[in-house]
C-alpha atoms as a PDB file:
ATOM      1  CA  MET A   1       8.411  31.580 187.359  1.00  0.00           C
ATOM      2  CA  LEU A   2       7.872  28.798 189.886  1.00  0.00           C
ATOM      3  CA  TYR A   3       8.782  31.155 192.738  1.00  0.00           C
ATOM      4  CA  SER A   4       9.499  34.835 193.284  1.00  0.00           C
ATOM      5  CA  ASN A   5      11.505  34.800 196.521  1.00  0.00           C
ATOM      6  CA  ASP A   6      13.387  32.462 198.847  1.00  0.00           C
ATOM      7  CA  LYS A   7      10.329  31.733 200.987  1.00  0.00           C
ATOM      8  CA  GLU A   8       8.451  30.414 197.975  1.00  0.00           C
ATOM      9  CA  LEU A   9      11.543  28.575 196.744  1.00  0.00           C
ATOM     10  CA  PHE A  10      12.056  26.720 200.009  1.00  0.00           C
ATOM     11  CA  SER A  11       8.346  25.901 200.216  1.00  0.00           C
ATOM     12  CA  LEU A  12       8.486  24.484 196.683  1.00  0.00           C
ATOM     13  CA  LEU A  13      11.467  22.330 197.587  1.00  0.00           C
ATOM     14  CA  LYS A  14       9.823  20.974 200.732  1.00  0.00           C
ATOM     15  CA  THR A  15       6.389  20.303 199.250  1.00  0.00           C
ATOM     16  CA  ARG A  16       6.870  19.464 195.571  1.00  0.00           C
ATOM     17  CA  LEU A  17      10.446  18.267 195.138  1.00  0.00           C
ATOM     18  CA  TYR A  18      12.791  15.710 196.708  1.00  0.00           C
ATOM     19  CA  THR A  19      16.521  15.130 196.880  1.00  0.00           C
ATOM     20  CA  SER A  20      16.543  12.301 194.326  1.00  0.00           C
ATOM     21  CA  VAL A  21      15.212  14.446 191.499  1.00  0.00           C
ATOM     22  CA  ILE A  22      17.517  17.335 192.434  1.00  0.00           C
ATOM     23  CA  GLY A  23      20.471  14.950 192.353  1.00  0.00           C
ATOM     24  CA  ASP A  24      19.443  13.636 188.931  1.00  0.00           C
ATOM     25  CA  ILE A  25      19.394  17.136 187.475  1.00  0.00           C
ATOM     26  CA  LEU A  26      22.748  18.016 189.036  1.00  0.00           C
ATOM     27  CA  ASP A  27      24.188  14.854 187.445  1.00  0.00           C
ATOM     28  CA  GLN A  28      22.820  15.897 184.041  1.00  0.00           C
ATOM     29  CA  MET A  29      24.475  19.296 184.464  1.00  0.00           C
ATOM     30  CA  GLY A  30      27.855  17.756 185.327  1.00  0.00           C
ATOM     31  CA  TYR A  31      27.724  18.278 189.103  1.00  0.00           C
ATOM     32  CA  PHE A  32      28.434  14.689 190.072  1.00  0.00           C
ATOM     33  CA  HIS A  33      29.381  15.044 193.741  1.00  0.00           C
ATOM     34  CA  GLN A  34      26.808  17.166 195.570  1.00  0.00           C
ATOM     35  CA  PHE A  35      25.430  14.779 198.223  1.00  0.00           C
ATOM     36  CA  LEU A  36      26.787  14.665 201.742  1.00  0.00           C
ATOM     37  CA  PRO A  37      27.743  11.177 203.011  1.00  0.00           C
ATOM     38  CA  PRO A  38      24.739   8.821 203.313  1.00  0.00           C
ATOM     39  CA  GLN A  39      25.338   8.528 207.071  1.00  0.00           C
ATOM     40  CA  VAL A  40      24.022  12.102 207.469  1.00  0.00           C
ATOM     41  CA  ARG A  41      20.370  11.449 208.298  1.00  0.00           C
ATOM     42  CA  PRO A  42      17.392  13.359 209.727  1.00  0.00           C
ATOM     43  CA  LEU A  43      16.701  12.880 213.430  1.00  0.00           C
ATOM     44  CA  ARG A  44      13.156  11.988 212.456  1.00  0.00           C
ATOM     45  CA  ASP A  45      12.196  10.458 209.112  1.00  0.00           C
ATOM     46  CA  ASP A  46       9.651  13.149 208.236  1.00  0.00           C
ATOM     47  CA  MET A  47      12.100  16.022 208.689  1.00  0.00           C
ATOM     48  CA  VAL A  48      12.823  18.093 205.581  1.00  0.00           C
ATOM     49  CA  ILE A  49      15.284  20.978 205.491  1.00  0.00           C
ATOM     50  CA  ALA A  50      15.686  23.695 202.856  1.00  0.00           C
ATOM     51  CA  GLY A  51      17.595  26.936 203.252  1.00  0.00           C
ATOM     52  CA  ARG A  52      20.720  28.934 202.494  1.00  0.00           C
ATOM     53  CA  SER A  53      23.967  27.579 203.866  1.00  0.00           C
ATOM     54  CA  MET A  54      25.833  29.284 206.682  1.00  0.00           C
ATOM     55  CA  PRO A  55      28.982  27.145 206.691  1.00  0.00           C
ATOM     56  CA  VAL A  56      30.922  26.714 209.929  1.00  0.00           C
ATOM     57  CA  LEU A  57      34.586  25.694 210.034  1.00  0.00           C
ATOM     58  CA  GLU A  58      35.425  23.499 213.049  1.00  0.00           C
ATOM     59  CA  ALA A  59      38.742  22.035 214.187  1.00  0.00           C
ATOM     60  CA  ASP A  60      39.859  19.625 216.906  1.00  0.00           C
ATOM     61  CA  VAL A  61      41.565  21.018 219.994  1.00  0.00           C
ATOM     62  CA  THR A  62      42.861  19.618 223.284  1.00  0.00           C
ATOM     63  CA  GLY A  63      41.366  21.262 226.350  1.00  0.00           C
ATOM     64  CA  PHE A  64      38.891  24.071 226.897  1.00  0.00           C
ATOM     65  CA  ILE A  65      41.512  26.815 226.563  1.00  0.00           C
ATOM     66  CA  THR A  66      45.029  26.782 225.143  1.00  0.00           C
ATOM     67  CA  GLU A  67      47.006  29.378 227.083  1.00  0.00           C
ATOM     68  CA  LYS A  68      49.622  31.525 225.330  1.00  0.00           C
ATOM     69  CA  ALA A  69      48.381  30.362 221.927  1.00  0.00           C
ATOM     70  CA  HIS A  70      49.428  32.342 218.872  1.00  0.00           C
ATOM     71  CA  ASN A  71      45.826  32.110 217.667  1.00  0.00           C
ATOM     72  CA  ARG A  72      43.720  33.960 220.235  1.00  0.00           C
ATOM     73  CA  LEU A  73      40.665  31.896 219.285  1.00  0.00           C
ATOM     74  CA  LEU A  74      42.235  28.997 221.161  1.00  0.00           C
ATOM     75  CA  GLU A  75      41.905  31.027 224.339  1.00  0.00           C
ATOM     76  CA  GLN A  76      38.154  31.391 223.789  1.00  0.00           C
ATOM     77  CA  ASN A  77      35.608  28.735 224.776  1.00  0.00           C
ATOM     78  CA  PHE A  78      34.072  27.174 221.637  1.00  0.00           C
ATOM     79  CA  GLY A  79      36.106  29.525 219.420  1.00  0.00           C
ATOM     80  CA  MET A  80      33.656  31.547 217.307  1.00  0.00           C
ATOM     81  CA  MET A  81      30.674  29.221 217.754  1.00  0.00           C
ATOM     82  CA  LEU A  82      28.674  31.669 219.861  1.00  0.00           C
ATOM     83  CA  GLU A  83      29.204  34.472 217.358  1.00  0.00           C
ATOM     84  CA  ALA A  84      28.145  32.127 214.553  1.00  0.00           C
ATOM     85  CA  LEU A  85      24.929  31.238 216.370  1.00  0.00           C
ATOM     86  CA  ASP A  86      24.123  34.900 216.996  1.00  0.00           C
ATOM     87  CA  SER A  87      24.688  35.790 213.336  1.00  0.00           C
ATOM     88  CA  ILE A  88      22.577  33.095 211.694  1.00  0.00           C
ATOM     89  CA  GLU A  89      19.723  34.597 209.702  1.00  0.00           C
ATOM     90  CA  GLU A  90      16.190  33.543 208.856  1.00  0.00           C
ATOM     91  CA  ASP A  91      16.016  30.452 206.613  1.00  0.00           C
ATOM     92  CA  GLU A  92      19.747  29.803 206.880  1.00  0.00           C
ATOM     93  CA  VAL A  93      21.195  26.375 207.664  1.00  0.00           C
ATOM     94  CA  TYR A  94      23.974  25.969 210.226  1.00  0.00           C
ATOM     95  CA  ILE A  95      26.114  23.483 208.337  1.00  0.00           C
ATOM     96  CA  CYS A  96      29.356  22.045 209.677  1.00  0.00           C
ATOM     97  CA  PRO A  97      31.551  19.599 207.725  1.00  0.00           C
ATOM     98  CA  SER A  98      33.084  18.362 211.015  1.00  0.00           C
ATOM     99  CA  SER A  99      36.649  17.705 212.023  1.00  0.00           C
ATOM    100  CA  SER A 100      36.842  14.383 213.882  1.00  0.00           C
ATOM    101  CA  MET A 101      34.093  12.063 215.078  1.00  0.00           C
ATOM    102  CA  HIS A 102      34.991  12.300 218.777  1.00  0.00           C
ATOM    103  CA  TYR A 103      32.289  14.729 219.918  1.00  0.00           C
ATOM    104  CA  ALA A 104      28.885  16.203 219.133  1.00  0.00           C
ATOM    105  CA  LEU A 105      28.752  19.269 216.898  1.00  0.00           C
ATOM    106  CA  ILE A 106      25.207  20.363 217.729  1.00  0.00           C
ATOM    107  CA  GLY A 107      22.957  20.260 220.790  1.00  0.00           C
ATOM    108  CA  GLU A 108      19.696  21.516 222.252  1.00  0.00           C
ATOM    109  CA  ILE A 109      20.842  24.955 223.440  1.00  0.00           C
ATOM    110  CA  MET A 110      22.473  25.684 220.085  1.00  0.00           C
ATOM    111  CA  CYS A 111      19.282  24.640 218.295  1.00  0.00           C
ATOM    112  CA  THR A 112      17.212  26.764 220.659  1.00  0.00           C
ATOM    113  CA  ARG A 113      19.211  29.843 219.662  1.00  0.00           C
ATOM    114  CA  MET A 114      18.850  28.925 215.987  1.00  0.00           C
ATOM    115  CA  LYS A 115      15.097  28.578 216.332  1.00  0.00           C
ATOM    116  CA  ILE A 116      14.828  32.009 217.957  1.00  0.00           C
ATOM    117  CA  ARG A 117      16.823  33.367 215.009  1.00  0.00           C
ATOM    118  CA  LYS A 118      14.335  31.576 212.655  1.00  0.00           C
ATOM    119  CA  ALA A 119      17.024  29.433 211.091  1.00  0.00           C
ATOM    120  CA  ALA A 120      15.973  26.629 208.752  1.00  0.00           C
ATOM    121  CA  GLY A 121      17.819  24.057 210.862  1.00  0.00           C
ATOM    122  CA  SER A 122      21.200  22.387 211.049  1.00  0.00           C
ATOM    123  CA  VAL A 123      23.209  19.827 209.088  1.00  0.00           C
ATOM    124  CA  VAL A 124      26.418  18.386 210.537  1.00  0.00           C
ATOM    125  CA  ASN A 125      28.730  15.766 209.079  1.00  0.00           C
ATOM    126  CA  GLY A 126      29.162  14.402 212.578  1.00  0.00           C
ATOM    127  CA  TYR A 127      27.129  13.812 215.716  1.00  0.00           C
ATOM    128  CA  HIS A 128      24.407  15.633 217.598  1.00  0.00           C
ATOM    129  CA  ARG A 129      23.412  15.312 221.253  1.00  0.00           C
ATOM    130  CA  ASP A 130      20.391  16.198 223.422  1.00  0.00           C
ATOM    131  CA  THR A 131      18.146  14.268 221.049  1.00  0.00           C
ATOM    132  CA  ARG A 132      14.967  14.575 223.106  1.00  0.00           C
ATOM    133  CA  GLY A 133      15.419  18.317 223.510  1.00  0.00           C
ATOM    134  CA  ILE A 134      16.060  18.873 219.804  1.00  0.00           C
ATOM    135  CA  LEU A 135      13.023  16.806 218.844  1.00  0.00           C
ATOM    136  CA  ALA A 136      10.900  18.844 221.255  1.00  0.00           C
ATOM    137  CA  LEU A 137      11.979  22.004 219.407  1.00  0.00           C
ATOM    138  CA  ASP A 138      10.647  20.459 216.172  1.00  0.00           C
ATOM    139  CA  MET A 139      13.464  21.959 214.130  1.00  0.00           C
ATOM    140  CA  PRO A 140      15.116  19.970 211.318  1.00  0.00           C
ATOM    141  CA  VAL A 141      18.512  18.553 212.280  1.00  0.00           C
ATOM    142  CA  PHE A 142      20.545  16.128 210.161  1.00  0.00           C
ATOM    143  CA  SER A 143      23.579  14.297 211.540  1.00  0.00           C
ATOM    144  CA  ARG A 144      25.410  10.969 211.637  1.00  0.00           C
ATOM    145  CA  GLY A 145      23.637  10.034 214.876  1.00  0.00           C
ATOM    146  CA  ALA A 146      23.553  10.741 218.586  1.00  0.00           C
ATOM    147  CA  TYR A 147      26.663  10.948 220.754  1.00  0.00           C
ATOM    148  CA  ALA A 148      26.624  12.818 224.076  1.00  0.00           C
ATOM    149  CA  GLN A 149      30.313  13.727 224.309  1.00  0.00           C
ATOM    150  CA  ASP A 150      30.683  17.528 224.298  1.00  0.00           C
ATOM    151  CA  GLN A 151      32.761  19.553 221.885  1.00  0.00           C
ATOM    152  CA  GLY A 152      33.789  21.993 224.688  1.00  0.00           C
ATOM    153  CA  PRO A 153      37.312  20.652 225.349  1.00  0.00           C
ATOM    154  CA  ARG A 154      37.584  18.899 221.974  1.00  0.00           C
ATOM    155  CA  GLY A 155      36.577  21.296 219.198  1.00  0.00           C
ATOM    156  CA  LYS A 156      36.351  24.980 218.336  1.00  0.00           C
ATOM    157  CA  VAL A 157      34.734  26.961 215.543  1.00  0.00           C
ATOM    158  CA  LEU A 158      37.532  28.785 213.734  1.00  0.00           C
ATOM    159  CA  ASP A 159      35.352  30.756 211.324  1.00  0.00           C
ATOM    160  CA  TYR A 160      31.910  30.938 209.733  1.00  0.00           C
ATOM    161  CA  ARG A 161      30.362  32.123 206.462  1.00  0.00           C
ATOM    162  CA  VAL A 162      33.416  30.755 204.686  1.00  0.00           C
ATOM    163  CA  PRO A 163      33.676  27.973 202.085  1.00  0.00           C
ATOM    164  CA  VAL A 164      33.964  24.517 203.640  1.00  0.00           C
ATOM    165  CA  GLU A 165      34.178  20.965 202.356  1.00  0.00           C
ATOM    166  CA  ALA A 166      32.472  17.815 203.577  1.00  0.00           C
ATOM    167  CA  ASP A 167      33.898  14.592 202.149  1.00  0.00           C
ATOM    168  CA  GLY A 168      34.726  16.345 198.882  1.00  0.00           C
ATOM    169  CA  VAL A 169      31.488  18.330 198.637  1.00  0.00           C
ATOM    170  CA  ARG A 170      32.240  22.054 198.519  1.00  0.00           C
ATOM    171  CA  ILE A 171      29.755  24.250 200.376  1.00  0.00           C
ATOM    172  CA  ASN A 172      29.824  27.992 199.819  1.00  0.00           C
ATOM    173  CA  PRO A 173      27.900  30.571 201.837  1.00  0.00           C
ATOM    174  CA  GLY A 174      24.467  31.008 200.290  1.00  0.00           C
ATOM    175  CA  ASP A 175      24.326  27.647 198.499  1.00  0.00           C
ATOM    176  CA  ILE A 176      21.018  25.844 198.936  1.00  0.00           C
ATOM    177  CA  VAL A 177      21.015  22.992 201.450  1.00  0.00           C
ATOM    178  CA  PHE A 178      18.177  20.546 200.805  1.00  0.00           C
ATOM    179  CA  GLY A 179      17.645  17.391 202.848  1.00  0.00           C
ATOM    180  CA  ASP A 180      14.997  14.724 203.291  1.00  0.00           C
ATOM    181  CA  ILE A 181      14.836  11.048 204.266  1.00  0.00           C
ATOM    182  CA  ASP A 182      17.039  10.133 201.270  1.00  0.00           C
ATOM    183  CA  GLY A 183      19.960  12.442 202.061  1.00  0.00           C
ATOM    184  CA  VAL A 184      21.302  15.992 201.932  1.00  0.00           C
ATOM    185  CA  VAL A 185      22.212  17.654 198.634  1.00  0.00           C
ATOM    186  CA  ILE A 186      23.994  20.960 198.048  1.00  0.00           C
ATOM    187  CA  ILE A 187      22.736  23.102 195.156  1.00  0.00           C
ATOM    188  CA  PRO A 188      25.390  25.644 194.066  1.00  0.00           C
ATOM    189  CA  LYS A 189      23.950  29.149 194.088  1.00  0.00           C
ATOM    190  CA  GLN A 190      25.152  29.939 190.570  1.00  0.00           C
ATOM    191  CA  VAL A 191      22.996  27.195 189.001  1.00  0.00           C
ATOM    192  CA  GLU A 192      20.063  27.004 191.423  1.00  0.00           C
ATOM    193  CA  ALA A 193      17.424  28.541 189.105  1.00  0.00           C
ATOM    194  CA  GLU A 194      18.166  26.073 186.308  1.00  0.00           C
ATOM    195  CA  VAL A 195      18.327  23.132 188.714  1.00  0.00           C
ATOM    196  CA  ILE A 196      14.970  23.935 190.322  1.00  0.00           C
ATOM    197  CA  GLU A 197      13.196  24.481 187.010  1.00  0.00           C
ATOM    198  CA  LYS A 198      14.502  21.238 185.496  1.00  0.00           C
ATOM    199  CA  ALA A 199      13.850  19.280 188.699  1.00  0.00           C
ATOM    200  CA  TYR A 200      10.243  20.475 188.767  1.00  0.00           C
ATOM    201  CA  GLU A 201       9.773  19.387 185.156  1.00  0.00           C
ATOM    202  CA  LYS A 202      11.315  15.987 185.886  1.00  0.00           C
ATOM    203  CA  ALA A 203       9.265  15.461 189.051  1.00  0.00           C
ATOM    204  CA  THR A 204       6.085  16.250 187.121  1.00  0.00           C
ATOM    205  CA  GLY A 205       7.147  13.825 184.401  1.00  0.00           C
ATOM    206  CA  GLU A 206       7.977  11.106 186.925  1.00  0.00           C
ATOM    207  CA  ASN A 207       4.508  11.337 188.432  1.00  0.00           C
ATOM    208  CA  PHE A 208       2.996  10.999 184.957  1.00  0.00           C
ATOM    209  CA  VAL A 209       5.185   8.000 184.046  1.00  0.00           C
ATOM    210  CA  ALA A 210       4.479   6.287 187.370  1.00  0.00           C
ATOM    211  CA  GLU A 211       0.773   6.572 186.626  1.00  0.00           C
ATOM    212  CA  LYS A 212       1.286   5.040 183.155  1.00  0.00           C
ATOM    213  CA  ILE A 213       3.261   2.147 184.647  1.00  0.00           C
ATOM    214  CA  ARG A 214       0.495   1.546 187.188  1.00  0.00           C
ATOM    215  CA  ASP A 215      -1.874   1.390 184.212  1.00  0.00           C
ATOM    216  CA  GLY A 216       0.220  -1.402 182.686  1.00  0.00           C
ATOM    217  CA  LEU A 217       2.973   0.223 180.630  1.00  0.00           C
ATOM    218  CA  SER A 218       6.216  -1.802 180.823  1.00  0.00           C
ATOM    219  CA  ALA A 219       9.531  -0.343 181.945  1.00  0.00           C
ATOM    220  CA  VAL A 220      10.999  -0.788 178.435  1.00  0.00           C
ATOM    221  CA  GLN A 221       8.003   0.889 176.806  1.00  0.00           C
ATOM    222  CA  SER A 222       8.074   3.669 179.378  1.00  0.00           C
ATOM    223  CA  TRP A 223      11.730   4.481 178.795  1.00  0.00           C
ATOM    224  CA  ALA A 224      11.398   4.314 175.013  1.00  0.00           C
ATOM    225  CA  ARG A 225       8.455   6.708 175.084  1.00  0.00           C
ATOM    226  CA  TYR A 226       9.301   9.159 177.893  1.00  0.00           C
ATOM    227  CA  LYS A 227      13.016   8.713 178.745  1.00  0.00           C
ATOM    228  CA  ILE A 228      12.148   8.993 182.459  1.00  0.00           C
ATOM    229  CA  MET A 229      12.913   6.366 185.106  1.00  0.00           C
END
């Protein structure tokens, strides 16, 4: 076994693997659409995130509070966002597929609470704000960029720990979220052991082939001999 618990698994992902090789293995297994949009990037190039997903479902609203709403959540500031933050567990990723692109989905105070809860970080298919504050926390955050406009009167969390979808990528609670400078990939929980094992084998093989190419082996010869590229 390459790992015996989640701590060792996430350490393996962050130190020995990378999103490209994970994506290659998912392709081989028939999971062709597991990457979030390429616009979702780390706030700092050296940030790497690995953890279990805690999906958050967000929707657009108009105004801080909608009085006499049939859904009582609309009468509550931020909907269920505060409850979601208080429930996040160690090594979980606060991941939000977004609703519109008119406001920030994550900020410094939210990230501060996540860090106290020992979360792995946050991934949003939308914007963040409070960039300097988040960077000072040194916690991995991936987003489409910085935009200061608040979600307060514009968006509410309707639920959390429920399946969500980001641009066609389904994210279930407990799936592995893995991100680095090349993107964010979702590893379905039901196939994670096979994916990690095969990715480790491929990464080891890629390092070997790269060394052979540096020694003078051609690309054609390399593929014919090792079937790795």
